[in-house]
Amino acid sequence: MLVMGTRPEVIKMFPIVKELRDRGLNVIVCMTGQHEEMTSSLVTLFKLDPDINLKVMKTAQGLNALAERLQARLAKAVAEVKPDWLLVQGDTTSALMAALVAFHENVAVAHVEAGLRTYIRDSPFPEEMNRRLISSLASLHFAPTQHSYDHLRGEGLPRETLHITGNTGIDALQWVAAMDTSPEVQTLLDTILVTPVENGNAAKPRVLLVTTHRRENLGEPMIHICKAVKRLVTDVKDVVVVFPVHLNPAVQKIVKEHLEGVPRVLLIKPLSYEFFAKLLNITTLVMTDSGGIQEEVTAFSVPALVLRRDTERP
């Protein structure tokens, strides 16, 4: 049984679901619905065909309310399915509660993307503590890098429970990047590349991709990010900023208040994964607070400016 609820979880679990199905295993895909609006297109793209959808999200739901709903609905699902193993990915609230429920039901937990650490308990929040707690509950730990493996060994986890697997997010990205570009995505890419710039010497604009959504950046930090973007396009005349605005209402309010209507700043809905993969091919620089994007840019050798105080990625 694989539990996932957010966009990064779906992306990074897809290669595992595909491989397990190709090997003929009985795979149960459980969607928690934590980010349903942002995962539905991925579920279709990857042909995940979920067996269970818990639909836990409510408007303006806090972490404790989300955790409570997750625990109750996951407990029922796990009791009905009775899986031999439950796989979780990363450090979301969905992952933590799934691991805890499985532990309570005496179901073995395997943790994909184990061992990421900042060792600062509230940065990122709540992800740093989520992943540390999952490590205490899991029986198998799939570390993406030697760096992550070393963290887990340093915490005293048995060597025989640890495996370095590489990054499944890169596997998914390369799978999508190799697809033929759909007409809709090609039209969007062409629109970006024909955006007028003020530098007459530029044959086409340089593309800057900006994303921000983390809880620790809400408020003043995000306002500063938006002001920096505005100053950048004012000072650098051949840059076009592509800014997919997260669906979180707090993010929407700040970004639109400071950047809506600014020339050469394209505020768009969250990217389809196909569009994101193709966009990286024409991007000059990425500014992001996303852990996943920090990893994904490496596949295209695109430099990234990390919009965080701390990062668990080496």
C-alpha atoms as a PDB file:
ATOM      1  CA  MET A   1       0.000   0.000   0.000  1.00  0.00           C
ATOM      2  CA  LEU A   2       1.410   3.378  -1.052  1.00  0.00           C
ATOM      3  CA  VAL A   3       0.076   6.528   0.595  1.00  0.00           C
ATOM      4  CA  MET A   4       0.458   9.940  -1.037  1.00  0.00           C
ATOM      5  CA  GLY A   5      -1.345  13.250  -0.896  1.00  0.00           C
ATOM      6  CA  THR A   6       0.780  16.110  -2.196  1.00  0.00           C
ATOM      7  CA  ARG A   7       2.181  16.926  -5.630  1.00  0.00           C
ATOM      8  CA  PRO A   8       5.794  15.972  -4.734  1.00  0.00           C
ATOM      9  CA  GLU A   9       4.640  12.682  -3.230  1.00  0.00           C
ATOM     10  CA  VAL A  10       2.740  11.725  -6.381  1.00  0.00           C
ATOM     11  CA  ILE A  11       5.727  12.609  -8.593  1.00  0.00           C
ATOM     12  CA  LYS A  12       8.225  10.674  -6.492  1.00  0.00           C
ATOM     13  CA  MET A  13       5.972   7.663  -5.882  1.00  0.00           C
ATOM     14  CA  PHE A  14       5.013   7.221  -9.536  1.00  0.00           C
ATOM     15  CA  PRO A  15       8.209   5.361 -10.578  1.00  0.00           C
ATOM     16  CA  ILE A  16       7.779   3.017  -7.606  1.00  0.00           C
ATOM     17  CA  VAL A  17       4.132   2.291  -8.403  1.00  0.00           C
ATOM     18  CA  LYS A  18       5.066   1.626 -12.027  1.00  0.00           C
ATOM     19  CA  GLU A  19       7.910  -0.718 -11.121  1.00  0.00           C
ATOM     20  CA  LEU A  20       5.866  -2.663  -8.568  1.00  0.00           C
ATOM     21  CA  ARG A  21       2.995  -3.076 -11.026  1.00  0.00           C
ATOM     22  CA  ASP A  22       5.387  -4.158 -13.770  1.00  0.00           C
ATOM     23  CA  ARG A  23       6.646  -6.869 -11.401  1.00  0.00           C
ATOM     24  CA  GLY A  24       3.108  -8.127 -10.846  1.00  0.00           C
ATOM     25  CA  LEU A  25       2.710  -7.101  -7.213  1.00  0.00           C
ATOM     26  CA  ASN A  26      -0.669  -6.237  -5.738  1.00  0.00           C
ATOM     27  CA  VAL A  27      -0.333  -2.456  -5.382  1.00  0.00           C
ATOM     28  CA  ILE A  28      -2.880  -0.398  -3.451  1.00  0.00           C
ATOM     29  CA  VAL A  29      -2.648   3.332  -4.148  1.00  0.00           C
ATOM     30  CA  CYS A  30      -4.151   5.507  -1.412  1.00  0.00           C
ATOM     31  CA  MET A  31      -4.577   9.234  -2.067  1.00  0.00           C
ATOM     32  CA  THR A  32      -5.162  11.304   1.052  1.00  0.00           C
ATOM     33  CA  GLY A  33      -6.412  14.346  -0.866  1.00  0.00           C
ATOM     34  CA  GLN A  34      -4.061  16.716   0.998  1.00  0.00           C
ATOM     35  CA  HIS A  35      -3.402  18.643  -2.253  1.00  0.00           C
ATOM     36  CA  GLU A  36      -6.162  17.251  -4.459  1.00  0.00           C
ATOM     37  CA  GLU A  37      -6.379  20.261  -6.807  1.00  0.00           C
ATOM     38  CA  MET A  38      -2.655  20.039  -7.515  1.00  0.00           C
ATOM     39  CA  THR A  39      -2.443  16.259  -7.905  1.00  0.00           C
ATOM     40  CA  SER A  40      -5.418  15.392 -10.117  1.00  0.00           C
ATOM     41  CA  SER A  41      -3.605  16.103 -13.401  1.00  0.00           C
ATOM     42  CA  LEU A  42      -0.594  14.056 -12.226  1.00  0.00           C
ATOM     43  CA  VAL A  43      -2.789  11.113 -11.295  1.00  0.00           C
ATOM     44  CA  THR A  44      -4.141  11.188 -14.865  1.00  0.00           C
ATOM     45  CA  LEU A  45      -0.723  11.707 -16.489  1.00  0.00           C
ATOM     46  CA  PHE A  46       0.844   8.807 -14.589  1.00  0.00           C
ATOM     47  CA  LYS A  47      -2.246   6.554 -14.871  1.00  0.00           C
ATOM     48  CA  LEU A  48      -2.118   5.891 -11.121  1.00  0.00           C
ATOM     49  CA  ASP A  49      -5.798   4.835 -10.864  1.00  0.00           C
ATOM     50  CA  PRO A  50      -6.070   5.243  -7.055  1.00  0.00           C
ATOM     51  CA  ASP A  51      -7.864   2.534  -5.131  1.00  0.00           C
ATOM     52  CA  ILE A  52      -8.666   4.830  -2.191  1.00  0.00           C
ATOM     53  CA  ASN A  53      -9.192   8.591  -1.879  1.00  0.00           C
ATOM     54  CA  LEU A  54      -9.562   9.863   1.671  1.00  0.00           C
ATOM     55  CA  LYS A  55     -10.517  13.457   0.692  1.00  0.00           C
ATOM     56  CA  VAL A  56      -9.251  14.923   3.944  1.00  0.00           C
ATOM     57  CA  MET A  57      -8.875  18.595   3.004  1.00  0.00           C
ATOM     58  CA  LYS A  58     -11.180  21.343   4.270  1.00  0.00           C
ATOM     59  CA  THR A  59     -10.952  25.099   3.802  1.00  0.00           C
ATOM     60  CA  ALA A  60      -8.593  26.857   6.247  1.00  0.00           C
ATOM     61  CA  GLN A  61      -7.710  23.557   7.929  1.00  0.00           C
ATOM     62  CA  GLY A  62      -4.832  23.693  10.431  1.00  0.00           C
ATOM     63  CA  LEU A  63      -2.176  21.050  10.839  1.00  0.00           C
ATOM     64  CA  ASN A  64      -3.760  19.455  13.900  1.00  0.00           C
ATOM     65  CA  ALA A  65      -7.181  19.230  12.258  1.00  0.00           C
ATOM     66  CA  LEU A  66      -5.566  17.740   9.141  1.00  0.00           C
ATOM     67  CA  ALA A  67      -3.626  15.229  11.241  1.00  0.00           C
ATOM     68  CA  GLU A  68      -6.789  14.222  13.098  1.00  0.00           C
ATOM     69  CA  ARG A  69      -8.735  13.574   9.885  1.00  0.00           C
ATOM     70  CA  LEU A  70      -5.806  11.733   8.329  1.00  0.00           C
ATOM     71  CA  GLN A  71      -5.375   9.436  11.311  1.00  0.00           C
ATOM     72  CA  ALA A  72      -9.052   8.498  11.478  1.00  0.00           C
ATOM     73  CA  ARG A  73      -9.448   7.828   7.755  1.00  0.00           C
ATOM     74  CA  LEU A  74      -6.094   6.119   7.309  1.00  0.00           C
ATOM     75  CA  ALA A  75      -6.807   3.838  10.271  1.00  0.00           C
ATOM     76  CA  LYS A  76      -9.993   2.633   8.602  1.00  0.00           C
ATOM     77  CA  ALA A  77      -8.265   2.157   5.222  1.00  0.00           C
ATOM     78  CA  VAL A  78      -5.289   0.259   6.662  1.00  0.00           C
ATOM     79  CA  ALA A  79      -7.548  -1.972   8.753  1.00  0.00           C
ATOM     80  CA  GLU A  80      -9.589  -2.858   5.657  1.00  0.00           C
ATOM     81  CA  VAL A  81      -6.660  -3.418   3.263  1.00  0.00           C
ATOM     82  CA  LYS A  82      -4.346  -5.176   5.766  1.00  0.00           C
ATOM     83  CA  PRO A  83      -1.215  -4.523   3.665  1.00  0.00           C
ATOM     84  CA  ASP A  84       2.066  -6.349   4.193  1.00  0.00           C
ATOM     85  CA  TRP A  85       3.963  -3.077   3.759  1.00  0.00           C
ATOM     86  CA  LEU A  86       2.984   0.569   3.773  1.00  0.00           C
ATOM     87  CA  LEU A  87       5.183   2.967   1.805  1.00  0.00           C
ATOM     88  CA  VAL A  88       5.368   6.689   2.505  1.00  0.00           C
ATOM     89  CA  GLN A  89       7.448   9.378   0.811  1.00  0.00           C
ATOM     90  CA  GLY A  90       9.189  12.395   2.210  1.00  0.00           C
ATOM     91  CA  ASP A  91       8.031  14.505   5.117  1.00  0.00           C
ATOM     92  CA  THR A  92       4.413  15.604   4.716  1.00  0.00           C
ATOM     93  CA  THR A  93       1.676  15.380   7.311  1.00  0.00           C
ATOM     94  CA  SER A  94       0.122  12.640   5.140  1.00  0.00           C
ATOM     95  CA  ALA A  95       3.348  10.639   5.315  1.00  0.00           C
ATOM     96  CA  LEU A  96       3.750  11.030   9.070  1.00  0.00           C
ATOM     97  CA  MET A  97       0.193  10.058   9.926  1.00  0.00           C
ATOM     98  CA  ALA A  98       0.271   7.094   7.535  1.00  0.00           C
ATOM     99  CA  ALA A  99       3.466   5.834   9.174  1.00  0.00           C
ATOM    100  CA  LEU A 100       1.984   6.266  12.657  1.00  0.00           C
ATOM    101  CA  VAL A 101      -1.249   4.469  11.735  1.00  0.00           C
ATOM    102  CA  ALA A 102       0.696   1.601  10.143  1.00  0.00           C
ATOM    103  CA  PHE A 103       2.844   1.293  13.277  1.00  0.00           C
ATOM    104  CA  HIS A 104      -0.291   1.108  15.435  1.00  0.00           C
ATOM    105  CA  GLU A 105      -1.658  -1.640  13.155  1.00  0.00           C
ATOM    106  CA  ASN A 106       1.629  -3.617  13.207  1.00  0.00           C
ATOM    107  CA  VAL A 107       2.182  -2.981   9.487  1.00  0.00           C
ATOM    108  CA  ALA A 108       5.794  -2.546   8.383  1.00  0.00           C
ATOM    109  CA  VAL A 109       6.644   0.934   7.057  1.00  0.00           C
ATOM    110  CA  ALA A 110       9.103   1.722   4.262  1.00  0.00           C
ATOM    111  CA  HIS A 111      10.220   5.347   3.945  1.00  0.00           C
ATOM    112  CA  VAL A 112      11.094   6.708   0.492  1.00  0.00           C
ATOM    113  CA  GLU A 113      13.457   9.734   0.517  1.00  0.00           C
ATOM    114  CA  ALA A 114      14.640   8.995   4.041  1.00  0.00           C
ATOM    115  CA  GLY A 115      17.447  10.801   5.805  1.00  0.00           C
ATOM    116  CA  LEU A 116      16.999  14.411   4.692  1.00  0.00           C
ATOM    117  CA  ARG A 117      17.897  16.696   7.571  1.00  0.00           C
ATOM    118  CA  THR A 118      18.622  20.281   8.519  1.00  0.00           C
ATOM    119  CA  TYR A 119      18.789  19.374  12.226  1.00  0.00           C
ATOM    120  CA  ILE A 120      16.848  22.575  12.936  1.00  0.00           C
ATOM    121  CA  ARG A 121      13.537  21.388  14.343  1.00  0.00           C
ATOM    122  CA  ASP A 122      11.379  24.195  12.924  1.00  0.00           C
ATOM    123  CA  SER A 123      13.131  24.671   9.582  1.00  0.00           C
ATOM    124  CA  PRO A 124      11.463  23.572   7.462  1.00  0.00           C
ATOM    125  CA  PHE A 125       8.284  23.473   9.506  1.00  0.00           C
ATOM    126  CA  PRO A 126       6.724  20.979  10.044  1.00  0.00           C
ATOM    127  CA  GLU A 127       8.703  18.817   7.630  1.00  0.00           C
ATOM    128  CA  GLU A 128      11.924  18.496   9.667  1.00  0.00           C
ATOM    129  CA  MET A 129      10.177  16.907  12.633  1.00  0.00           C
ATOM    130  CA  ASN A 130       7.841  14.888  10.397  1.00  0.00           C
ATOM    131  CA  ARG A 131      10.730  13.095   8.692  1.00  0.00           C
ATOM    132  CA  ARG A 132      12.622  12.512  11.927  1.00  0.00           C
ATOM    133  CA  LEU A 133       9.516  10.903  13.453  1.00  0.00           C
ATOM    134  CA  ILE A 134       8.930   8.766  10.354  1.00  0.00           C
ATOM    135  CA  SER A 135      12.506   7.470  10.654  1.00  0.00           C
ATOM    136  CA  SER A 136      11.647   6.254  14.161  1.00  0.00           C
ATOM    137  CA  LEU A 137       8.598   4.386  12.848  1.00  0.00           C
ATOM    138  CA  ALA A 138       9.963   2.854   9.631  1.00  0.00           C
ATOM    139  CA  SER A 139      11.486  -0.598   9.155  1.00  0.00           C
ATOM    140  CA  LEU A 140      13.147   0.210   5.824  1.00  0.00           C
ATOM    141  CA  HIS A 141      14.760   3.508   4.865  1.00  0.00           C
ATOM    142  CA  PHE A 142      15.388   4.379   1.204  1.00  0.00           C
ATOM    143  CA  ALA A 143      17.930   7.210   1.173  1.00  0.00           C
ATOM    144  CA  PRO A 144      18.320   9.172  -2.073  1.00  0.00           C
ATOM    145  CA  THR A 145      22.000  10.015  -1.483  1.00  0.00           C
ATOM    146  CA  GLN A 146      25.048   8.975   0.509  1.00  0.00           C
ATOM    147  CA  HIS A 147      24.584  12.212   2.434  1.00  0.00           C
ATOM    148  CA  SER A 148      21.122  11.116   3.601  1.00  0.00           C
ATOM    149  CA  TYR A 149      22.380   7.593   4.329  1.00  0.00           C
ATOM    150  CA  ASP A 150      25.105   9.022   6.556  1.00  0.00           C
ATOM    151  CA  HIS A 151      22.522  11.002   8.529  1.00  0.00           C
ATOM    152  CA  LEU A 152      20.562   7.831   9.251  1.00  0.00           C
ATOM    153  CA  ARG A 153      23.649   5.856  10.239  1.00  0.00           C
ATOM    154  CA  GLY A 154      24.678   8.727  12.492  1.00  0.00           C
ATOM    155  CA  GLU A 155      21.294   8.461  14.213  1.00  0.00           C
ATOM    156  CA  GLY A 156      22.001   4.814  14.987  1.00  0.00           C
ATOM    157  CA  LEU A 157      19.675   3.107  12.505  1.00  0.00           C
ATOM    158  CA  PRO A 158      20.795  -0.445  11.632  1.00  0.00           C
ATOM    159  CA  ARG A 159      22.852  -0.692   8.456  1.00  0.00           C
ATOM    160  CA  GLU A 160      20.735  -3.583   7.130  1.00  0.00           C
ATOM    161  CA  THR A 161      17.603  -1.357   7.094  1.00  0.00           C
ATOM    162  CA  LEU A 162      19.229   1.354   4.953  1.00  0.00           C
ATOM    163  CA  HIS A 163      19.429   1.444   1.149  1.00  0.00           C
ATOM    164  CA  ILE A 164      20.744   4.166  -1.177  1.00  0.00           C
ATOM    165  CA  THR A 165      18.295   4.288  -4.079  1.00  0.00           C
ATOM    166  CA  GLY A 166      18.845   7.555  -5.921  1.00  0.00           C
ATOM    167  CA  ASN A 167      16.114  10.107  -6.410  1.00  0.00           C
ATOM    168  CA  THR A 168      12.826   8.810  -7.816  1.00  0.00           C
ATOM    169  CA  GLY A 169      11.799  12.409  -8.579  1.00  0.00           C
ATOM    170  CA  ILE A 170      14.534  12.577 -11.222  1.00  0.00           C
ATOM    171  CA  ASP A 171      13.258   9.298 -12.693  1.00  0.00           C
ATOM    172  CA  ALA A 172       9.779  10.797 -13.019  1.00  0.00           C
ATOM    173  CA  LEU A 173      11.081  14.075 -14.459  1.00  0.00           C
ATOM    174  CA  GLN A 174      13.154  12.339 -17.126  1.00  0.00           C
ATOM    175  CA  TRP A 175      10.176  10.130 -18.039  1.00  0.00           C
ATOM    176  CA  VAL A 176       8.007  13.190 -18.614  1.00  0.00           C
ATOM    177  CA  ALA A 177      10.738  15.221 -20.348  1.00  0.00           C
ATOM    178  CA  ALA A 178      11.141  12.424 -22.901  1.00  0.00           C
ATOM    179  CA  MET A 179       7.450  12.602 -23.871  1.00  0.00           C
ATOM    180  CA  ASP A 180       6.428  14.381 -27.062  1.00  0.00           C
ATOM    181  CA  THR A 181       5.462  17.954 -26.259  1.00  0.00           C
ATOM    182  CA  SER A 182       1.708  18.414 -26.385  1.00  0.00           C
ATOM    183  CA  PRO A 183       0.333  21.262 -28.551  1.00  0.00           C
ATOM    184  CA  GLU A 184      -1.033  23.031 -25.461  1.00  0.00           C
ATOM    185  CA  VAL A 185       2.357  23.026 -23.725  1.00  0.00           C
ATOM    186  CA  GLN A 186       4.180  24.112 -26.885  1.00  0.00           C
ATOM    187  CA  THR A 187       1.819  27.075 -27.222  1.00  0.00           C
ATOM    188  CA  LEU A 188       2.585  28.129 -23.644  1.00  0.00           C
ATOM    189  CA  LEU A 189       6.336  27.850 -24.209  1.00  0.00           C
ATOM    190  CA  ASP A 190       6.101  29.887 -27.418  1.00  0.00           C
ATOM    191  CA  THR A 191       4.112  32.564 -25.575  1.00  0.00           C
ATOM    192  CA  ILE A 192       6.898  32.943 -23.010  1.00  0.00           C
ATOM    193  CA  LEU A 193       9.625  33.161 -25.643  1.00  0.00           C
ATOM    194  CA  VAL A 194       7.858  35.892 -27.628  1.00  0.00           C
ATOM    195  CA  THR A 195       7.227  38.099 -24.582  1.00  0.00           C
ATOM    196  CA  PRO A 196       8.527  41.562 -25.555  1.00  0.00           C
ATOM    197  CA  VAL A 197      11.724  42.673 -23.824  1.00  0.00           C
ATOM    198  CA  GLU A 198      13.284  46.117 -23.637  1.00  0.00           C
ATOM    199  CA  ASN A 199      16.797  45.034 -24.554  1.00  0.00           C
ATOM    200  CA  GLY A 200      17.008  45.373 -28.318  1.00  0.00           C
ATOM    201  CA  ASN A 201      20.085  43.157 -28.464  1.00  0.00           C
ATOM    202  CA  ALA A 202      18.234  40.133 -27.073  1.00  0.00           C
ATOM    203  CA  ALA A 203      17.034  37.659 -29.690  1.00  0.00           C
ATOM    204  CA  LYS A 204      14.745  36.146 -27.066  1.00  0.00           C
ATOM    205  CA  PRO A 205      14.189  36.728 -23.348  1.00  0.00           C
ATOM    206  CA  ARG A 206      16.050  34.997 -20.592  1.00  0.00           C
ATOM    207  CA  VAL A 207      13.540  33.000 -18.555  1.00  0.00           C
ATOM    208  CA  LEU A 208      13.531  33.125 -14.755  1.00  0.00           C
ATOM    209  CA  LEU A 209      11.274  30.591 -13.012  1.00  0.00           C
ATOM    210  CA  VAL A 210      10.136  31.600  -9.500  1.00  0.00           C
ATOM    211  CA  THR A 211       8.215  29.456  -7.022  1.00  0.00           C
ATOM    212  CA  THR A 212       7.513  30.022  -3.344  1.00  0.00           C
ATOM    213  CA  HIS A 213       5.035  28.397  -0.991  1.00  0.00           C
ATOM    214  CA  ARG A 214       6.703  27.278   2.237  1.00  0.00           C
ATOM    215  CA  ARG A 215       5.071  28.129   5.561  1.00  0.00           C
ATOM    216  CA  GLU A 216       8.238  29.769   6.868  1.00  0.00           C
ATOM    217  CA  ASN A 217       8.170  32.188   3.910  1.00  0.00           C
ATOM    218  CA  LEU A 218       4.596  33.364   4.410  1.00  0.00           C
ATOM    219  CA  GLY A 219       4.309  37.031   5.371  1.00  0.00           C
ATOM    220  CA  GLU A 220       7.341  39.335   5.328  1.00  0.00           C
ATOM    221  CA  PRO A 221       9.787  36.846   3.718  1.00  0.00           C
ATOM    222  CA  MET A 222       7.451  36.331   0.752  1.00  0.00           C
ATOM    223  CA  ILE A 223       6.876  40.073   0.422  1.00  0.00           C
ATOM    224  CA  HIS A 224      10.653  40.539   0.210  1.00  0.00           C
ATOM    225  CA  ILE A 225      10.849  37.827  -2.476  1.00  0.00           C
ATOM    226  CA  CYS A 226       8.197  39.604  -4.535  1.00  0.00           C
ATOM    227  CA  LYS A 227       9.941  42.961  -4.147  1.00  0.00           C
ATOM    228  CA  ALA A 228      13.202  41.382  -5.289  1.00  0.00           C
ATOM    229  CA  VAL A 229      11.498  39.953  -8.379  1.00  0.00           C
ATOM    230  CA  LYS A 230      10.015  43.357  -9.212  1.00  0.00           C
ATOM    231  CA  ARG A 231      13.395  45.045  -8.822  1.00  0.00           C
ATOM    232  CA  LEU A 232      15.049  42.397 -10.971  1.00  0.00           C
ATOM    233  CA  VAL A 233      12.740  42.899 -13.957  1.00  0.00           C
ATOM    234  CA  THR A 234      13.095  46.668 -13.538  1.00  0.00           C
ATOM    235  CA  ASP A 235      16.896  46.506 -13.622  1.00  0.00           C
ATOM    236  CA  VAL A 236      17.421  43.610 -16.086  1.00  0.00           C
ATOM    237  CA  LYS A 237      15.564  44.371 -19.282  1.00  0.00           C
ATOM    238  CA  ASP A 238      15.805  41.031 -21.104  1.00  0.00           C
ATOM    239  CA  VAL A 239      14.389  38.846 -18.314  1.00  0.00           C
ATOM    240  CA  VAL A 240      10.904  37.335 -18.288  1.00  0.00           C
ATOM    241  CA  VAL A 241       9.728  35.903 -14.967  1.00  0.00           C
ATOM    242  CA  VAL A 242       7.427  32.881 -14.991  1.00  0.00           C
ATOM    243  CA  PHE A 243       5.793  32.697 -11.557  1.00  0.00           C
ATOM    244  CA  PRO A 244       3.370  29.803 -10.950  1.00  0.00           C
ATOM    245  CA  VAL A 245       1.351  31.005  -7.969  1.00  0.00           C
ATOM    246  CA  HIS A 246       0.607  28.357  -5.346  1.00  0.00           C
ATOM    247  CA  LEU A 247      -3.083  27.780  -4.582  1.00  0.00           C
ATOM    248  CA  ASN A 248      -2.648  28.634  -0.892  1.00  0.00           C
ATOM    249  CA  PRO A 249      -4.810  31.789  -0.443  1.00  0.00           C
ATOM    250  CA  ALA A 250      -2.099  33.420   1.680  1.00  0.00           C
ATOM    251  CA  VAL A 251       0.420  32.981  -1.148  1.00  0.00           C
ATOM    252  CA  GLN A 252      -2.069  34.190  -3.748  1.00  0.00           C
ATOM    253  CA  LYS A 253      -2.799  37.371  -1.772  1.00  0.00           C
ATOM    254  CA  ILE A 254       0.839  38.382  -1.311  1.00  0.00           C
ATOM    255  CA  VAL A 255       2.025  37.586  -4.826  1.00  0.00           C
ATOM    256  CA  LYS A 256      -0.879  39.246  -6.606  1.00  0.00           C
ATOM    257  CA  GLU A 257      -0.735  42.313  -4.371  1.00  0.00           C
ATOM    258  CA  HIS A 258       2.930  42.930  -5.203  1.00  0.00           C
ATOM    259  CA  LEU A 259       3.405  41.536  -8.716  1.00  0.00           C
ATOM    260  CA  GLU A 260       0.099  41.577 -10.593  1.00  0.00           C
ATOM    261  CA  GLY A 261       0.406  43.825 -13.632  1.00  0.00           C
ATOM    262  CA  VAL A 262       4.196  44.155 -13.444  1.00  0.00           C
ATOM    263  CA  PRO A 263       5.631  44.016 -17.012  1.00  0.00           C
ATOM    264  CA  ARG A 264       7.428  40.792 -17.908  1.00  0.00           C
ATOM    265  CA  VAL A 265       6.187  38.993 -14.790  1.00  0.00           C
ATOM    266  CA  LEU A 266       3.833  36.215 -15.853  1.00  0.00           C
ATOM    267  CA  LEU A 267       1.681  35.085 -12.930  1.00  0.00           C
ATOM    268  CA  ILE A 268       0.185  31.753 -13.895  1.00  0.00           C
ATOM    269  CA  LYS A 269      -1.640  28.836 -12.317  1.00  0.00           C
ATOM    270  CA  PRO A 270       0.512  26.025 -10.876  1.00  0.00           C
ATOM    271  CA  LEU A 271       2.338  24.295 -13.699  1.00  0.00           C
ATOM    272  CA  SER A 272       1.279  21.019 -15.188  1.00  0.00           C
ATOM    273  CA  TYR A 273       4.158  18.609 -14.717  1.00  0.00           C
ATOM    274  CA  GLU A 274       4.673  18.313 -18.457  1.00  0.00           C
ATOM    275  CA  PHE A 275       4.899  22.104 -18.780  1.00  0.00           C
ATOM    276  CA  PHE A 276       7.352  22.255 -15.864  1.00  0.00           C
ATOM    277  CA  ALA A 277       9.614  19.598 -17.395  1.00  0.00           C
ATOM    278  CA  LYS A 278       9.645  21.334 -20.783  1.00  0.00           C
ATOM    279  CA  LEU A 279      10.006  24.800 -19.224  1.00  0.00           C
ATOM    280  CA  LEU A 280      13.243  23.803 -17.500  1.00  0.00           C
ATOM    281  CA  ASN A 281      14.753  23.270 -20.964  1.00  0.00           C
ATOM    282  CA  ILE A 282      14.444  27.005 -21.719  1.00  0.00           C
ATOM    283  CA  THR A 283      15.030  28.394 -18.221  1.00  0.00           C
ATOM    284  CA  THR A 284      18.154  30.399 -17.370  1.00  0.00           C
ATOM    285  CA  LEU A 285      17.724  30.547 -13.579  1.00  0.00           C
ATOM    286  CA  VAL A 286      15.327  29.197 -10.964  1.00  0.00           C
ATOM    287  CA  MET A 287      14.447  30.934  -7.698  1.00  0.00           C
ATOM    288  CA  THR A 288      12.607  28.544  -5.387  1.00  0.00           C
ATOM    289  CA  ASP A 289      11.907  27.436  -1.849  1.00  0.00           C
ATOM    290  CA  SER A 290      10.830  23.986  -3.092  1.00  0.00           C
ATOM    291  CA  GLY A 291      12.994  21.080  -2.042  1.00  0.00           C
ATOM    292  CA  GLY A 292      11.887  19.000  -5.013  1.00  0.00           C
ATOM    293  CA  ILE A 293      12.729  21.703  -7.536  1.00  0.00           C
ATOM    294  CA  GLN A 294      16.171  22.082  -5.964  1.00  0.00           C
ATOM    295  CA  GLU A 295      16.721  18.471  -6.996  1.00  0.00           C
ATOM    296  CA  GLU A 296      14.995  18.619 -10.377  1.00  0.00           C
ATOM    297  CA  VAL A 297      17.036  21.531 -11.753  1.00  0.00           C
ATOM    298  CA  THR A 298      20.169  19.394 -11.481  1.00  0.00           C
ATOM    299  CA  ALA A 299      18.833  17.103 -14.217  1.00  0.00           C
ATOM    300  CA  PHE A 300      18.898  20.072 -16.619  1.00  0.00           C
ATOM    301  CA  SER A 301      22.013  21.814 -15.225  1.00  0.00           C
ATOM    302  CA  VAL A 302      19.950  24.908 -14.416  1.00  0.00           C
ATOM    303  CA  PRO A 303      21.308  27.020 -11.526  1.00  0.00           C
ATOM    304  CA  ALA A 304      18.973  27.676  -8.598  1.00  0.00           C
ATOM    305  CA  LEU A 305      18.816  30.404  -5.979  1.00  0.00           C
ATOM    306  CA  VAL A 306      17.314  28.802  -2.865  1.00  0.00           C
ATOM    307  CA  LEU A 307      14.771  31.023  -1.109  1.00  0.00           C
ATOM    308  CA  ARG A 308      15.219  29.499   2.325  1.00  0.00           C
ATOM    309  CA  ARG A 309      17.351  30.028   5.423  1.00  0.00           C
ATOM    310  CA  ASP A 310      18.220  26.332   5.564  1.00  0.00           C
ATOM    311  CA  THR A 311      18.049  23.420   3.143  1.00  0.00           C
ATOM    312  CA  GLU A 312      18.338  19.680   3.575  1.00  0.00           C
ATOM    313  CA  ARG A 313      19.639  19.225   0.054  1.00  0.00           C
ATOM    314  CA  PRO A 314      23.459  19.043  -0.226  1.00  0.00           C
END
